[in-house]
């Protein structure tokens, strides 16, 4: 069950840099319509198809974002980590969420009413510019992932996943992950069985080492080569 937490936008050091363009009065307006919530591992923050009422800023933990398809198929399209804002395109169109967001581990997030954000976008040009930059960066990442799915074989896709986890998500090597093997499969657009097989091949070839939920990349140069060659 999610828990409400106390916080204040004016004093917060864990807010997304897009909010640096807001003055104290504007931050006070955000604070007046914001709630901070703690989510346990596996809790749904919002679900694909549900009404879109808030923007979500992750202040601690890790959130996976995925598309839900037929037959319970999932495609993980990204992650949100501190202090990422989860941008929801439905807020500007049909007021629906077009993907699902789930806490991968103990996570806290601030939820801000959509109407307030939209008002600030209309009144503050710098805030709007920063907001659009973040959305553009998210779109570029999606395009890169689509290219990987459509142009690379499974080893190349798994190499992309491991490199992304080490360099962008956990920013550590080795890294301890709360993600399951199914999650790694959903990130790379393959079945769980295929993901496990490729990870075993990488381990046998001494490209990586795995101990439980800890993964270490032993040969980053070769993984990058596999990624480039697809």
Protein backbone atom coordinates (compact mmCIF):
# COMPACT_ATOMS: atom_id res chain seq x y z
CA UNK A 1 0.00 0.00 0.00
CA UNK A 2 1.42 3.39 -0.97
CA UNK A 3 2.11 5.79 1.91
CA UNK A 4 1.86 9.59 1.95
CA UNK A 5 5.08 11.45 2.85
CA UNK A 6 5.76 15.03 3.88
CA UNK A 7 7.90 17.27 1.67
CA UNK A 8 8.15 20.83 0.38
CA UNK A 9 9.06 21.86 -3.17
CA UNK A 10 10.68 25.11 -2.02
CA UNK A 11 13.21 23.25 0.14
CA UNK A 12 13.53 20.06 -1.88
CA UNK A 13 16.93 19.08 -3.27
CA UNK A 14 15.50 16.05 -5.08
CA UNK A 15 13.41 17.79 -7.71
CA UNK A 16 13.87 17.45 -11.46
CA UNK A 17 16.02 20.16 -13.02
CA UNK A 18 13.04 21.31 -15.12
CA UNK A 19 11.76 22.94 -11.91
CA UNK A 20 14.86 25.12 -11.66
CA UNK A 21 13.10 27.45 -14.10
CA UNK A 22 10.28 28.14 -11.63
CA UNK A 23 10.34 31.02 -9.15
CA UNK A 24 9.30 30.65 -5.51
CA UNK A 25 5.69 31.60 -6.18
CA UNK A 26 5.42 29.03 -8.98
CA UNK A 27 7.07 26.34 -6.83
CA UNK A 28 4.63 27.17 -4.06
CA UNK A 29 1.76 26.54 -6.49
CA UNK A 30 3.26 23.17 -7.40
CA UNK A 31 3.73 22.35 -3.73
CA UNK A 32 0.09 23.18 -3.02
CA UNK A 33 -1.17 20.47 -5.39
CA UNK A 34 1.58 17.90 -4.85
CA UNK A 35 1.60 14.72 -2.81
CA UNK A 36 4.65 12.58 -2.01
CA UNK A 37 3.99 8.83 -1.92
CA UNK A 38 6.03 5.78 -1.00
CA UNK A 39 5.54 2.67 -3.15
CA UNK A 40 6.64 -0.84 -2.28
CA UNK A 41 8.39 -3.11 -4.78
CA UNK A 42 5.91 -4.31 -7.41
CA UNK A 43 3.29 -1.62 -6.72
CA UNK A 44 1.63 -0.05 -9.75
CA UNK A 45 2.09 3.73 -9.88
CA UNK A 46 -0.28 4.05 -12.83
CA UNK A 47 -1.67 1.59 -15.35
CA UNK A 48 -1.96 1.73 -19.12
CA UNK A 49 -5.44 2.91 -20.10
CA UNK A 50 -6.23 4.54 -16.75
CA UNK A 51 -7.15 8.26 -16.45
CA UNK A 52 -4.20 10.64 -16.39
CA UNK A 53 -4.47 13.17 -13.57
CA UNK A 54 -0.86 13.68 -12.38
CA UNK A 55 2.71 13.92 -13.53
CA UNK A 56 5.09 11.74 -11.52
CA UNK A 57 8.58 12.71 -10.35
CA UNK A 58 10.67 9.87 -8.88
CA UNK A 59 12.65 11.02 -5.82
CA UNK A 60 14.12 7.66 -4.76
CA UNK A 61 14.14 4.07 -6.00
CA UNK A 62 13.54 2.84 -9.54
CA UNK A 63 10.44 2.64 -11.75
CA UNK A 64 10.03 0.53 -14.89
CA UNK A 65 7.81 1.79 -17.68
CA UNK A 66 6.31 -0.72 -20.09
CA UNK A 67 3.73 -1.23 -22.81
CA UNK A 68 1.14 -3.94 -22.26
CA UNK A 69 0.24 -6.03 -25.30
CA UNK A 70 -2.01 -8.98 -26.03
CA UNK A 71 -1.38 -12.24 -24.24
CA UNK A 72 0.16 -10.52 -21.22
CA UNK A 73 3.18 -9.51 -23.33
CA UNK A 74 5.18 -6.55 -22.02
CA UNK A 75 7.81 -4.36 -23.61
CA UNK A 76 9.84 -2.29 -21.17
CA UNK A 77 10.40 1.07 -22.85
CA UNK A 78 12.35 2.79 -20.12
CA UNK A 79 13.07 3.45 -16.48
CA UNK A 80 12.69 6.43 -14.19
CA UNK A 81 15.26 6.99 -11.47
CA UNK A 82 15.91 9.94 -9.16
CA UNK A 83 15.06 12.61 -10.12
CA UNK A 84 13.39 11.73 -13.41
CA UNK A 85 9.99 13.04 -14.38
CA UNK A 86 7.71 10.50 -16.05
CA UNK A 87 6.26 12.43 -18.96
CA UNK A 88 2.80 11.27 -19.96
CA UNK A 89 1.77 12.27 -23.49
CA UNK A 90 -1.85 11.45 -22.74
CA UNK A 91 -1.98 14.50 -20.46
CA UNK A 92 -2.01 16.65 -23.62
CA UNK A 93 -4.37 14.52 -25.70
CA UNK A 94 -6.87 11.92 -24.48
CA UNK A 95 -6.18 12.16 -20.71
CA UNK A 96 -5.19 8.47 -20.57
CA UNK A 97 -1.98 6.69 -19.67
CA UNK A 98 -0.44 4.92 -22.67
CA UNK A 99 1.95 2.75 -20.66
CA UNK A 100 2.21 1.27 -17.17
CA UNK A 101 4.64 2.38 -14.45
CA UNK A 102 5.62 -0.02 -11.64
CA UNK A 103 8.06 0.37 -8.74
CA UNK A 104 11.01 -2.03 -9.16
CA UNK A 105 12.07 -1.50 -5.54
CA UNK A 106 11.13 0.70 -2.59
CA UNK A 107 10.36 3.99 -4.34
CA UNK A 108 9.16 7.45 -3.45
CA UNK A 109 7.59 9.83 -5.94
CA UNK A 110 5.89 13.21 -6.02
CA UNK A 111 2.61 13.46 -7.93
CA UNK A 112 1.67 16.88 -9.32
CA UNK A 113 -1.69 17.72 -10.82
CA UNK A 114 -1.67 17.90 -14.61
CA UNK A 115 -3.63 21.18 -14.70
CA UNK A 116 -0.97 23.05 -12.72
CA UNK A 117 1.85 21.81 -14.96
CA UNK A 118 -0.09 22.81 -18.06
CA UNK A 119 -0.69 26.31 -16.65
CA UNK A 120 3.02 26.72 -15.93
CA UNK A 121 3.92 25.55 -19.43
CA UNK A 122 1.71 28.30 -20.84
CA UNK A 123 3.04 31.04 -18.57
CA UNK A 124 6.76 30.20 -18.22
CA UNK A 125 8.71 29.92 -21.46
CA UNK A 126 11.91 28.59 -19.86
CA UNK A 127 9.99 25.90 -18.01
CA UNK A 128 8.22 24.94 -21.24
CA UNK A 129 11.56 24.76 -23.10
CA UNK A 130 13.11 22.51 -20.44
CA UNK A 131 10.00 20.34 -20.43
CA UNK A 132 10.12 19.91 -24.22
CA UNK A 133 13.83 19.06 -24.05
CA UNK A 134 13.12 16.25 -21.59
CA UNK A 135 10.29 14.90 -23.75
CA UNK A 136 12.56 15.02 -26.82
CA UNK A 137 15.29 13.07 -24.99
CA UNK A 138 12.74 10.44 -23.99
CA UNK A 139 11.54 10.17 -27.59
CA UNK A 140 15.11 9.72 -28.87
CA UNK A 141 15.66 6.86 -26.41
CA UNK A 142 12.49 5.19 -27.68
CA UNK A 143 13.68 5.55 -31.28
CA UNK A 144 17.04 3.97 -30.35
CA UNK A 145 15.24 1.08 -28.69
CA UNK A 146 12.98 0.59 -31.71
CA UNK A 147 16.08 0.48 -33.94
CA UNK A 148 17.60 -2.17 -31.67
CA UNK A 149 14.43 -4.29 -31.75
CA UNK A 150 14.05 -4.16 -35.53
CA UNK A 151 17.69 -4.28 -36.73
CA UNK A 152 19.58 -6.39 -34.21
CA UNK A 153 19.68 -10.08 -33.44
CA UNK A 154 19.03 -11.24 -29.88
CA UNK A 155 22.70 -11.12 -28.71
CA UNK A 156 22.95 -7.51 -29.86
CA UNK A 157 19.74 -6.59 -28.08
CA UNK A 158 20.87 -8.24 -24.83
CA UNK A 159 24.23 -6.48 -25.08
CA UNK A 160 22.35 -3.18 -25.37
CA UNK A 161 20.36 -4.01 -22.23
CA UNK A 162 23.41 -4.88 -20.14
CA UNK A 163 25.32 -1.79 -21.27
CA UNK A 164 22.29 0.40 -20.54
CA UNK A 165 21.86 -1.05 -17.05
CA UNK A 166 25.53 -0.60 -16.14
CA UNK A 167 26.07 2.84 -17.67
CA UNK A 168 22.70 4.60 -17.44
CA UNK A 169 20.40 2.94 -14.92
CA UNK A 170 22.68 1.79 -12.10
CA UNK A 171 25.79 3.70 -13.20
CA UNK A 172 27.94 0.97 -11.69
CA UNK A 173 29.83 -2.16 -12.69
CA UNK A 174 29.19 -4.60 -11.14
CA UNK A 175 25.58 -3.68 -10.32
CA UNK A 176 22.95 -5.29 -8.12
CA UNK A 177 19.56 -5.30 -9.78
CA UNK A 178 16.02 -5.87 -8.59
CA UNK A 179 15.05 -6.75 -12.17
CA UNK A 180 14.07 -10.33 -12.95
CA UNK A 181 15.21 -12.33 -15.95
CA UNK A 182 11.72 -11.74 -17.34
CA UNK A 183 12.34 -7.99 -17.04
CA UNK A 184 15.59 -8.35 -19.01
CA UNK A 185 13.65 -10.27 -21.65
CA UNK A 186 10.96 -7.57 -21.75
CA UNK A 187 13.67 -4.93 -22.19
CA UNK A 188 15.19 -6.75 -25.15
CA UNK A 189 12.02 -7.94 -26.91
CA UNK A 190 12.57 -11.68 -26.47
CA UNK A 191 11.22 -14.57 -24.44
CA UNK A 192 12.49 -15.30 -20.94
CA UNK A 193 13.99 -18.57 -22.17
CA UNK A 194 15.94 -16.79 -24.91
CA UNK A 195 17.18 -14.16 -22.48
CA UNK A 196 18.43 -16.79 -20.04
CA UNK A 197 20.16 -18.69 -22.87
CA UNK A 198 21.98 -15.60 -24.15
CA UNK A 199 23.03 -14.55 -20.64
CA UNK A 200 24.46 -18.05 -20.12
CA UNK A 201 26.36 -17.77 -23.42
CA UNK A 202 27.76 -14.38 -22.39
CA UNK A 203 28.81 -15.89 -19.04
CA UNK A 204 30.40 -18.95 -20.67
CA UNK A 205 32.31 -16.63 -23.01
CA UNK A 206 33.49 -14.64 -19.95
CA UNK A 207 31.81 -11.45 -21.11
CA UNK A 208 29.82 -11.18 -17.89
CA UNK A 209 29.60 -12.78 -14.47
CA UNK A 210 26.32 -13.29 -12.62
CA UNK A 211 25.83 -14.12 -8.94
CA UNK A 212 22.16 -14.05 -8.04
CA UNK A 213 20.94 -10.53 -8.79
CA UNK A 214 24.45 -9.10 -9.18
CA UNK A 215 25.78 -8.73 -12.72
CA UNK A 216 29.33 -7.73 -13.63
CA UNK A 217 30.44 -6.90 -17.15
CA UNK A 218 33.90 -8.43 -17.60
CA UNK A 219 34.50 -7.42 -21.21
CA UNK A 220 32.75 -4.15 -22.02
CA UNK A 221 34.64 -3.74 -25.31
CA UNK A 222 33.35 -7.05 -26.65
CA UNK A 223 29.78 -6.32 -25.51
CA UNK A 224 29.97 -2.98 -27.35
CA UNK A 225 31.19 -4.81 -30.45
CA UNK A 226 28.27 -7.26 -30.22
CA UNK A 227 25.93 -4.30 -29.83
CA UNK A 228 27.35 -2.51 -32.89
CA UNK A 229 27.30 -5.62 -35.06
CA UNK A 230 23.81 -6.52 -33.95
